[in-house]
Amino acid sequence: MIARVPPHRFLALVVFVAAALWVATGHFAAVGSETPEPGATKAASEPVAETPKRTVAVVRAEVADYARQIRISGVTEADKLAVLAARSNGVVQELTAKPGDTVTQGAVVMLLEGEDVRAAVKTAEDQLAQAAEQLAVGEALNAKGSLPETQLTARRAAKSAAEGALSQAQADADRLSLVAPFSGTVDAVNVEEGEWVQQGTPIATLIALDPIIVKAEVAERDVIHVSVGAKARVRLVSGVELEGTVKHLARKASDKTRTFAIEVDLPNPEGAIPSGMTAELRLTAATQPALTVPRSVLTLNEAGQIGLRVVEEGDIAAFVPVELIDDIDGGFVVTGVPQGARVIVAGQDLVRDGDPVVVQELTRAQAEAAQKAAQP
């Protein structure tokens, strides 16, 4: 059967088998170096070359007390707001206040027609005067024994009834006028003179703008840093900045947002700040030791924790978890870094815990200059 195979194919088959056997030996990558030259082989006891150390730049941590600014959005609202309603049926006789007017507590805002009601007051006053006179005469006669006790009692009852009738008449007359329950500004008037109104009809809206209230919502993590009576800086959308005082802090969180309502009193003697204006509240949290680091320095460990790489004794790299408490122009403010720790500011992503490193220590100014130079 072999004789039937052409010679050139038989030769090719032999070469293929030989090549396969050579590959199977595992020495195909060492062609030309199978036998080492004398002295080329290292002794078994010779140490293996060490992995080159990474060079990292570090800056000493300067931990200092830091008071974080709590920034929350809010809106201004009137300190008091009341919709004044008609207290009786009638025709509007006079409107003594217009939108934008400033009124004092007790000032008449609207007056209804009601001559019959006012006349009833005069009648009740006359009846009371008559009953009082009759009672006085009866008491004098009773003292002399000329008037029975039962008649004296009847006169006393008549005087009490007259007093009740006068009180009722005066109450009816009082309901013809609408007065301001507090000093403030008339924001709106909803009726016109000569218009018929029913009891309960909204007549005018009165607001008090001094002080004006800034309402906002404080997050759960920040509510422990806020207390009633604390000072707060308020920046209005107009750019005006003022200082106010925390007036109220809710003790129960919102079921939907898990935030706490807060109110800040803001002086507004001229009423220049209107209700409904957007504002930013800035509250100061309690001081705590913290370190400001560039944003590029923060890194993550294998567990996903955020932190910093530091160099420990013996020039060994290590990871320190931190808590981010603020974001300012100069970088992130973090806690959890020991005072004087050598924080890696360049090369932190190229080393792991336990790696030996070559340390190049920089001053804070040098590190800041290097980072500015590296920015595009």
Protein backbone atom coordinates (compact mmCIF):
# COMPACT_ATOMS: atom_id res chain seq x y z
CA MET A 1 0.00 0.00 0.00
CA ILE A 2 2.92 2.31 0.73
CA ALA A 3 4.21 1.72 -2.80
CA ARG A 4 1.06 3.25 -4.19
CA VAL A 5 1.72 6.60 -2.41
CA PRO A 6 3.58 9.07 -4.58
CA PRO A 7 7.08 9.83 -3.26
CA HIS A 8 6.49 13.54 -2.77
CA ARG A 9 3.37 12.93 -0.69
CA PHE A 10 5.15 10.37 1.42
CA LEU A 11 7.93 12.87 2.11
CA ALA A 12 5.43 15.55 3.09
CA LEU A 13 3.75 13.13 5.51
CA VAL A 14 7.08 12.34 7.18
CA VAL A 15 7.88 16.04 7.61
CA PHE A 16 4.44 16.70 9.13
CA VAL A 17 4.77 13.89 11.68
CA ALA A 18 8.26 15.07 12.65
CA ALA A 19 7.01 18.64 13.16
CA ALA A 20 4.16 17.42 15.31
CA LEU A 21 6.51 15.45 17.53
CA TRP A 22 8.78 18.50 17.90
CA VAL A 23 5.93 20.77 18.96
CA ALA A 24 4.82 18.16 21.49
CA THR A 25 8.18 18.32 23.23
CA GLY A 26 7.50 21.96 24.33
CA HIS A 27 10.93 23.23 23.26
CA PHE A 28 9.90 25.07 20.12
CA ALA A 29 10.27 28.46 21.89
CA ALA A 30 13.88 27.90 22.84
CA VAL A 31 15.31 27.29 19.42
CA GLY A 32 19.00 28.03 19.42
CA SER A 33 19.24 28.11 23.23
CA GLU A 34 18.48 24.57 24.31
CA THR A 35 21.99 24.15 25.69
CA PRO A 36 23.08 27.06 27.74
CA GLU A 37 26.62 28.33 27.49
CA PRO A 38 28.92 27.50 30.38
CA GLY A 39 28.26 29.79 33.30
CA ALA A 40 24.98 31.09 31.83
CA THR A 41 22.74 29.16 34.25
CA LYS A 42 22.08 30.93 37.61
CA ALA A 43 22.55 29.05 40.78
CA ALA A 44 19.41 27.84 42.46
CA SER A 45 20.28 29.79 45.59
CA GLU A 46 20.59 33.15 43.77
CA PRO A 47 17.69 35.53 44.86
CA VAL A 48 15.00 36.47 42.33
CA ALA A 49 15.06 40.11 41.22
CA GLU A 50 12.58 42.32 43.17
CA THR A 51 9.60 44.02 41.48
CA PRO A 52 10.43 47.70 40.92
CA LYS A 53 8.78 50.00 43.53
CA ARG A 54 6.32 52.67 42.49
CA THR A 55 7.22 56.26 43.23
CA VAL A 56 4.37 58.23 44.80
CA ALA A 57 4.03 61.85 45.86
CA VAL A 58 2.69 62.51 49.36
CA VAL A 59 1.56 65.50 51.39
CA ARG A 60 1.30 65.58 55.18
CA ALA A 61 -2.32 65.81 56.36
CA GLU A 62 -3.12 69.07 58.12
CA VAL A 63 -6.35 68.24 59.97
CA ALA A 64 -8.23 71.25 61.34
CA ASP A 65 -11.64 72.03 62.81
CA TYR A 66 -14.21 72.60 60.09
CA ALA A 67 -17.80 73.84 60.33
CA ARG A 68 -19.75 72.57 57.37
CA GLN A 69 -22.24 74.84 55.65
CA ILE A 70 -25.67 73.23 55.24
CA ARG A 71 -27.22 74.65 52.07
CA ILE A 72 -30.91 74.13 51.38
CA SER A 73 -33.41 75.77 49.05
CA GLY A 74 -36.46 77.52 50.44
CA VAL A 75 -39.12 80.10 49.68
CA THR A 76 -40.28 83.23 51.48
CA GLU A 77 -43.75 83.35 53.03
CA ALA A 78 -45.68 85.95 54.97
CA ASP A 79 -45.45 85.69 58.74
CA LYS A 80 -49.24 86.01 58.92
CA LEU A 81 -51.88 85.68 56.22
CA ALA A 82 -55.62 86.03 56.65
CA VAL A 83 -58.52 86.10 54.22
CA LEU A 84 -61.04 88.47 55.79
CA ALA A 85 -64.65 87.36 55.24
CA ALA A 86 -67.96 89.20 55.60
CA ARG A 87 -69.53 88.59 59.00
CA SER A 88 -73.06 89.52 57.95
CA ASN A 89 -75.27 89.86 54.88
CA GLY A 90 -75.54 93.27 53.31
CA VAL A 91 -74.50 95.82 50.73
CA VAL A 92 -70.94 97.11 50.79
CA GLN A 93 -71.23 100.73 51.88
CA GLU A 94 -67.55 101.60 52.07
CA LEU A 95 -64.17 100.01 51.37
CA THR A 96 -61.57 101.80 53.46
CA ALA A 97 -58.55 99.84 52.20
CA LYS A 98 -57.14 99.20 48.76
CA PRO A 99 -54.58 96.63 47.58
CA GLY A 100 -51.13 97.69 48.75
CA ASP A 101 -52.38 99.75 51.70
CA THR A 102 -50.75 99.29 55.08
CA VAL A 103 -53.25 98.94 57.90
CA THR A 104 -52.93 98.69 61.65
CA GLN A 105 -54.58 96.16 63.90
CA GLY A 106 -58.25 97.09 64.49
CA ALA A 107 -58.53 99.36 61.43
CA VAL A 108 -61.82 99.11 59.50
CA VAL A 109 -61.37 97.50 56.09
CA MET A 110 -65.02 97.36 54.96
CA LEU A 111 -68.37 98.73 56.15
CA LEU A 112 -71.82 97.32 55.25
CA GLU A 113 -75.06 99.25 55.05
CA GLY A 114 -77.33 98.68 58.05
CA GLU A 115 -79.19 101.72 59.36
CA ASP A 116 -81.87 99.51 60.86
CA VAL A 117 -79.27 97.55 62.79
CA ARG A 118 -77.67 100.72 64.10
CA ALA A 119 -81.09 102.09 65.05
CA ALA A 120 -81.77 98.91 66.97
CA VAL A 121 -78.73 99.67 69.09
CA LYS A 122 -80.12 103.11 70.00
CA THR A 123 -83.48 101.59 70.88
CA ALA A 124 -81.84 98.96 73.07
CA GLU A 125 -79.80 101.62 74.84
CA ASP A 126 -82.98 103.63 75.63
CA GLN A 127 -84.77 100.53 76.89
CA LEU A 128 -81.86 99.68 79.13
CA ALA A 129 -81.78 103.21 80.51
CA GLN A 130 -85.51 103.05 81.26
CA ALA A 131 -85.22 99.64 82.92
CA ALA A 132 -82.30 100.84 85.01
CA GLU A 133 -84.28 103.88 86.18
CA GLN A 134 -87.30 101.76 87.07
CA LEU A 135 -85.12 99.40 89.04
CA ALA A 136 -83.55 102.26 90.98
CA VAL A 137 -87.01 103.64 91.92
CA GLY A 138 -88.22 100.19 92.86
CA GLU A 139 -85.27 99.58 95.15
CA ALA A 140 -85.98 102.88 96.92
CA LEU A 141 -89.67 102.03 97.39
CA ASN A 142 -88.83 98.52 98.54
CA ALA A 143 -86.50 99.91 101.14
CA LYS A 144 -89.44 101.97 102.55
CA GLY A 145 -91.76 98.96 102.41
CA SER A 146 -93.90 100.47 99.66
CA LEU A 147 -93.02 97.94 96.91
CA PRO A 148 -93.38 94.18 97.23
CA GLU A 149 -90.32 91.99 96.75
CA THR A 150 -91.88 90.25 93.76
CA GLN A 151 -92.20 93.53 91.83
CA LEU A 152 -88.63 94.43 92.64
CA THR A 153 -87.51 91.07 91.29
CA ALA A 154 -89.49 91.69 88.09
CA ARG A 155 -87.79 95.05 87.59
CA ARG A 156 -84.38 93.44 88.04
CA ALA A 157 -85.26 90.83 85.41
CA ALA A 158 -86.42 93.59 83.04
CA LYS A 159 -83.09 95.36 83.41
CA SER A 160 -81.15 92.12 82.71
CA ALA A 161 -83.26 91.52 79.58
CA ALA A 162 -82.58 95.05 78.38
CA GLU A 163 -78.87 94.50 78.88
CA GLY A 164 -79.03 91.30 76.81
CA ALA A 165 -80.96 93.02 74.04
CA LEU A 166 -78.37 95.79 73.90
CA SER A 167 -75.53 93.28 73.70
CA GLN A 168 -77.27 91.50 70.83
CA ALA A 169 -77.92 94.75 68.98
CA GLN A 170 -74.32 95.86 69.41
CA ALA A 171 -73.05 92.50 68.12
CA ASP A 172 -75.25 92.81 65.03
CA ALA A 173 -73.90 96.30 64.44
CA ASP A 174 -70.29 95.17 64.94
CA ARG A 175 -70.74 92.55 62.23
CA LEU A 176 -71.43 95.30 59.72
CA SER A 177 -67.80 96.35 59.88
CA LEU A 178 -64.74 94.28 58.99
CA VAL A 179 -61.55 95.09 60.89
CA ALA A 180 -57.91 94.02 60.50
CA PRO A 181 -56.97 91.31 63.04
CA PHE A 182 -53.30 92.34 62.85
CA SER A 183 -51.13 95.02 61.31
CA GLY A 184 -50.07 94.28 57.76
CA THR A 185 -50.51 94.96 54.07
CA VAL A 186 -53.71 94.53 52.08
CA ASP A 187 -52.71 92.13 49.32
CA ALA A 188 -56.07 91.86 47.54
CA VAL A 189 -59.65 93.17 47.70
CA ASN A 190 -62.31 90.94 46.17
CA VAL A 191 -65.44 93.12 46.22
CA GLU A 192 -66.62 96.56 45.11
CA GLU A 193 -68.67 99.25 46.87
CA GLY A 194 -72.38 98.70 46.35
CA GLU A 195 -71.99 94.95 45.94
CA TRP A 196 -74.26 92.59 47.86
CA VAL A 197 -72.34 90.08 49.93
CA GLN A 198 -73.38 87.17 52.08
CA GLN A 199 -71.91 86.14 55.39
CA GLY A 200 -68.63 84.29 54.72
CA THR A 201 -67.87 85.99 51.40
CA PRO A 202 -64.08 86.63 51.06
CA ILE A 203 -63.56 90.39 51.17
CA ALA A 204 -59.80 91.04 51.37
CA THR A 205 -56.46 89.29 51.92
CA LEU A 206 -54.21 90.70 54.60
CA ILE A 207 -50.54 89.69 55.00
CA ALA A 208 -47.84 90.60 57.50
CA LEU A 209 -44.36 90.75 55.94
CA ASP A 210 -42.25 91.82 58.91
CA PRO A 211 -40.68 89.53 59.79
CA ILE A 212 -40.90 87.45 56.65
CA ILE A 213 -40.54 83.67 56.97
CA VAL A 214 -38.26 81.49 54.88
CA LYS A 215 -39.58 77.92 54.76
CA ALA A 216 -37.42 74.97 53.71
CA GLU A 217 -36.82 71.25 54.31
CA VAL A 218 -33.76 69.86 56.15
CA ALA A 219 -32.40 66.40 55.30
CA GLU A 220 -32.22 63.64 57.93
CA ARG A 221 -28.43 63.71 58.11
CA ASP A 222 -28.42 67.47 58.78
CA VAL A 223 -31.31 67.91 61.20
CA ILE A 224 -29.12 67.12 64.24
CA HIS A 225 -27.03 70.20 63.42
CA VAL A 226 -30.02 72.60 63.47
CA SER A 227 -31.69 74.09 66.54
CA VAL A 228 -34.31 76.74 67.23
CA GLY A 229 -32.68 80.12 67.86
CA ALA A 230 -29.63 79.36 65.68
CA LYS A 231 -28.47 81.95 63.15
CA ALA A 232 -28.92 81.35 59.44
CA ARG A 233 -27.67 83.17 56.36
CA VAL A 234 -30.27 83.71 53.65
CA ARG A 235 -29.44 84.52 50.05
CA LEU A 236 -32.41 85.68 48.01
CA VAL A 237 -32.71 85.03 44.30
CA SER A 238 -32.17 88.78 43.83
CA GLY A 239 -28.67 88.39 45.29
CA VAL A 240 -29.44 90.10 48.61
CA GLU A 241 -27.97 88.35 51.66
CA LEU A 242 -29.44 88.70 55.15
CA GLU A 243 -29.12 87.01 58.52
CA GLY A 244 -32.12 85.40 60.16
CA THR A 245 -33.01 83.21 63.12
CA VAL A 246 -34.40 79.69 63.13
CA LYS A 247 -37.98 80.08 64.39
CA HIS A 248 -39.30 76.54 64.06
CA LEU A 249 -37.96 73.05 63.39
CA ALA A 250 -40.35 70.15 62.92
CA ARG A 251 -39.81 67.17 65.19
CA LYS A 252 -41.48 64.74 62.77
CA ALA A 253 -40.18 64.00 59.29
CA SER A 254 -42.34 64.13 56.18
CA ASP A 255 -43.65 60.66 55.32
CA LYS A 256 -42.90 61.23 51.62
CA THR A 257 -39.55 63.03 51.60
CA ARG A 258 -38.12 62.07 55.02
CA THR A 259 -37.15 65.71 55.53
CA PHE A 260 -37.90 68.11 58.40
CA ALA A 261 -39.68 71.44 57.93
CA ILE A 262 -37.76 74.51 59.08
CA GLU A 263 -38.75 78.18 59.35
CA VAL A 264 -36.36 81.11 59.58
CA ASP A 265 -37.40 84.62 60.65
CA LEU A 266 -35.95 87.33 58.43
CA PRO A 267 -36.25 91.06 59.26
CA ASN A 268 -38.24 92.94 56.63
CA PRO A 269 -39.14 96.33 58.14
CA GLU A 270 -39.86 98.02 54.81
CA GLY A 271 -41.72 95.05 53.37
CA ALA A 272 -39.26 94.99 50.45
CA ILE A 273 -39.03 91.19 50.41
CA PRO A 274 -42.24 89.73 48.96
CA SER A 275 -43.83 86.41 49.77
CA GLY A 276 -43.06 83.55 47.38
CA MET A 277 -39.45 84.49 46.52
CA THR A 278 -36.87 81.70 46.11
CA ALA A 279 -34.10 81.73 48.71
CA GLU A 280 -31.07 79.69 49.77
CA LEU A 281 -30.56 78.92 53.44
CA ARG A 282 -27.07 78.38 54.83
CA LEU A 283 -26.81 76.90 58.29
CA THR A 284 -23.57 76.13 60.10
CA ALA A 285 -23.08 72.59 61.40
CA ALA A 286 -21.05 71.74 64.48
CA THR A 287 -17.27 71.84 64.02
CA GLN A 288 -15.35 68.59 63.57
CA PRO A 289 -11.78 67.63 62.61
CA ALA A 290 -11.54 67.48 58.82
CA LEU A 291 -9.12 67.59 55.91
CA THR A 292 -9.55 69.31 52.54
CA VAL A 293 -8.18 67.24 49.65
CA PRO A 294 -8.20 67.63 45.86
CA ARG A 295 -11.05 65.79 44.15
CA SER A 296 -8.59 63.67 42.17
CA VAL A 297 -7.06 62.18 45.34
CA LEU A 298 -10.14 60.20 46.40
CA THR A 299 -10.15 56.56 45.33
CA LEU A 300 -12.00 53.31 45.96
CA ASN A 301 -10.77 50.10 47.52
CA GLU A 302 -11.71 46.58 46.45
CA ALA A 303 -14.84 46.69 48.65
CA GLY A 304 -16.07 49.87 46.98
CA GLN A 305 -15.35 52.13 49.95
CA ILE A 306 -14.34 55.71 49.26
CA GLY A 307 -11.10 56.83 50.84
CA LEU A 308 -7.47 57.90 50.47
CA ARG A 309 -4.22 56.07 49.88
CA VAL A 310 -1.60 56.82 52.50
CA VAL A 311 1.95 55.72 53.19
CA GLU A 312 2.47 54.05 56.55
CA GLU A 313 5.69 53.32 58.43
CA GLY A 314 8.20 51.38 56.36
CA ASP A 315 6.95 53.17 53.24
CA ILE A 316 4.06 50.76 52.74
CA ALA A 317 0.90 51.86 50.91
CA ALA A 318 -2.40 51.54 52.77
CA PHE A 319 -6.05 52.56 52.34
CA VAL A 320 -7.90 54.84 54.79
CA PRO A 321 -11.71 55.04 54.44
CA VAL A 322 -13.11 58.56 54.80
CA GLU A 323 -16.47 60.29 55.06
CA LEU A 324 -17.23 63.09 52.62
CA ILE A 325 -18.82 66.00 54.52
CA ASP A 326 -18.59 68.92 52.11
CA ASP A 327 -17.72 69.96 48.57
CA ILE A 328 -16.06 73.37 48.33
CA ASP A 329 -14.06 75.27 45.72
CA GLY A 330 -10.78 73.90 47.07
CA GLY A 331 -11.87 70.25 46.82
CA PHE A 332 -13.60 67.71 49.06
CA VAL A 333 -13.70 68.05 52.83
CA VAL A 334 -13.37 64.63 54.50
CA THR A 335 -13.08 63.16 57.98
CA GLY A 336 -11.30 60.04 59.17
CA VAL A 337 -7.70 60.95 58.26
CA PRO A 338 -5.17 60.96 61.14
CA GLN A 339 -3.24 64.16 61.77
CA GLY A 340 0.11 64.11 59.97
CA ALA A 341 -0.72 61.10 57.78
CA ARG A 342 1.23 60.94 54.51
CA VAL A 343 -1.56 61.19 51.94
CA ILE A 344 -0.69 60.05 48.42
CA VAL A 345 -1.60 62.81 45.98
CA ALA A 346 -0.02 61.27 42.84
CA GLY A 347 0.15 57.60 41.99
CA GLN A 348 -2.58 56.47 44.39
CA ASP A 349 -4.35 54.43 41.71
CA LEU A 350 -1.18 52.50 40.82
CA VAL A 351 -0.59 50.92 44.24
CA ARG A 352 -2.48 48.56 46.50
CA ASP A 353 -2.52 47.87 50.21
CA GLY A 354 0.83 46.50 51.33
CA ASP A 355 2.80 47.63 48.28
CA PRO A 356 6.24 49.08 49.11
CA VAL A 357 6.69 52.50 47.56
CA VAL A 358 9.30 55.16 47.02
CA VAL A 359 8.11 58.34 48.68
CA GLN A 360 8.51 61.83 47.31
CA GLU A 361 7.19 64.24 49.94
CA LEU A 362 5.80 67.58 48.79
CA THR A 363 4.58 70.64 50.62
CA ARG A 364 0.93 71.56 50.20
CA ALA A 365 1.91 74.53 48.03
CA GLN A 366 4.04 72.33 45.78
CA ALA A 367 1.23 69.82 45.39
CA GLU A 368 -1.28 72.55 44.51
CA ALA A 369 1.12 74.06 41.97
CA ALA A 370 1.70 70.64 40.39
CA GLN A 371 -2.02 69.99 40.09
CA LYS A 372 -2.65 73.38 38.49
CA ALA A 373 0.11 72.71 36.01
CA ALA A 374 -1.42 69.31 35.17
CA GLN A 375 -4.83 70.79 34.43
CA PRO A 376 -5.61 71.33 30.73
